[in-house]
Amino acid sequence: MTNSATMQGVYVNVPNVDWSLFRELVRKFGWQVETREQLLDRFISTRPDNPAISEEEIMDEVRAVRYAK
């Protein structure tokens, strides 16, 4: 297995008819593959349930910087 520090992420659009061939190449080379949906699901699952700062607090900071005199 390849060290994740030496990995390069790429996005490839593969036609549905070629997906099984692509998956076979991925398996043979030991690459990792995930769909856009899997990537989004993984991102969402890593988000905290209770963020340290609320959306209102973020907007207050933006307004303070934007409209400061």
Protein backbone atom coordinates (compact mmCIF):
# COMPACT_ATOMS: atom_id res chain seq x y z
CA MET A 1 0.00 0.00 0.00
CA THR A 2 1.24 3.48 -0.85
CA ASN A 3 1.86 6.06 1.87
CA SER A 4 -0.89 8.72 1.79
CA ALA A 5 1.76 11.45 2.06
CA THR A 6 3.02 10.50 -1.39
CA MET A 7 -0.42 10.40 -2.98
CA GLN A 8 -1.69 12.89 -5.56
CA GLY A 9 -5.44 13.48 -5.70
CA VAL A 10 -7.03 13.82 -9.13
CA TYR A 11 -10.56 14.03 -10.47
CA VAL A 12 -11.34 11.84 -13.45
CA ASN A 13 -14.63 11.66 -15.31
CA VAL A 14 -15.10 8.08 -16.48
CA PRO A 15 -18.00 7.04 -18.71
CA ASN A 16 -20.35 4.61 -16.97
CA VAL A 17 -19.61 1.91 -19.56
CA ASP A 18 -15.88 2.08 -18.68
CA TRP A 19 -16.33 2.21 -14.91
CA SER A 20 -15.72 -1.53 -14.37
CA LEU A 21 -12.51 -1.37 -16.43
CA PHE A 22 -11.34 1.65 -14.45
CA ARG A 23 -12.12 -0.08 -11.14
CA GLU A 24 -10.07 -3.07 -12.31
CA LEU A 25 -7.09 -0.78 -13.07
CA VAL A 26 -7.47 0.84 -9.68
CA ARG A 27 -7.44 -2.56 -8.00
CA LYS A 28 -4.41 -3.81 -9.98
CA PHE A 29 -2.34 -0.70 -9.28
CA GLY A 30 -3.39 -0.49 -5.63
CA TRP A 31 -4.85 2.97 -6.05
CA GLN A 32 -7.71 4.38 -4.02
CA VAL A 33 -10.92 5.58 -5.63
CA GLU A 34 -14.06 7.24 -4.36
CA THR A 35 -17.02 8.82 -6.08
CA ARG A 36 -17.99 12.45 -5.66
CA GLU A 37 -20.81 11.33 -3.37
CA GLN A 38 -18.43 9.28 -1.21
CA LEU A 39 -16.05 12.24 -0.97
CA LEU A 40 -18.89 14.51 0.13
CA ASP A 41 -20.17 11.93 2.64
CA ARG A 42 -16.67 11.57 4.10
CA PHE A 43 -16.34 15.36 4.41
CA ILE A 44 -19.74 15.71 6.09
CA SER A 45 -19.00 12.91 8.55
CA THR A 46 -15.85 14.70 9.75
CA ARG A 47 -17.64 17.98 10.53
CA PRO A 48 -18.18 18.74 14.22
CA ASP A 49 -21.72 18.55 15.57
CA ASN A 50 -21.27 21.78 17.52
CA PRO A 51 -18.96 24.20 15.71
CA ALA A 52 -16.82 26.47 17.85
CA ILE A 53 -18.32 29.56 16.19
CA SER A 54 -21.85 30.09 14.93
CA GLU A 55 -22.88 31.43 11.54
CA GLU A 56 -24.17 34.58 13.24
CA GLU A 57 -20.79 35.15 14.90
CA ILE A 58 -19.05 34.73 11.55
CA MET A 59 -21.37 37.28 9.94
CA ASP A 60 -20.81 39.70 12.85
CA GLU A 61 -17.05 39.47 12.23
CA VAL A 62 -17.50 40.03 8.49
CA ARG A 63 -19.69 43.07 9.09
CA ALA A 64 -17.24 44.47 11.65
CA VAL A 65 -14.38 44.27 9.15
CA ARG A 66 -16.37 45.34 6.11
CA TYR A 67 -18.10 48.34 7.71
CA ALA A 68 -15.40 49.45 10.17
CA LYS A 69 -14.45 53.11 9.92
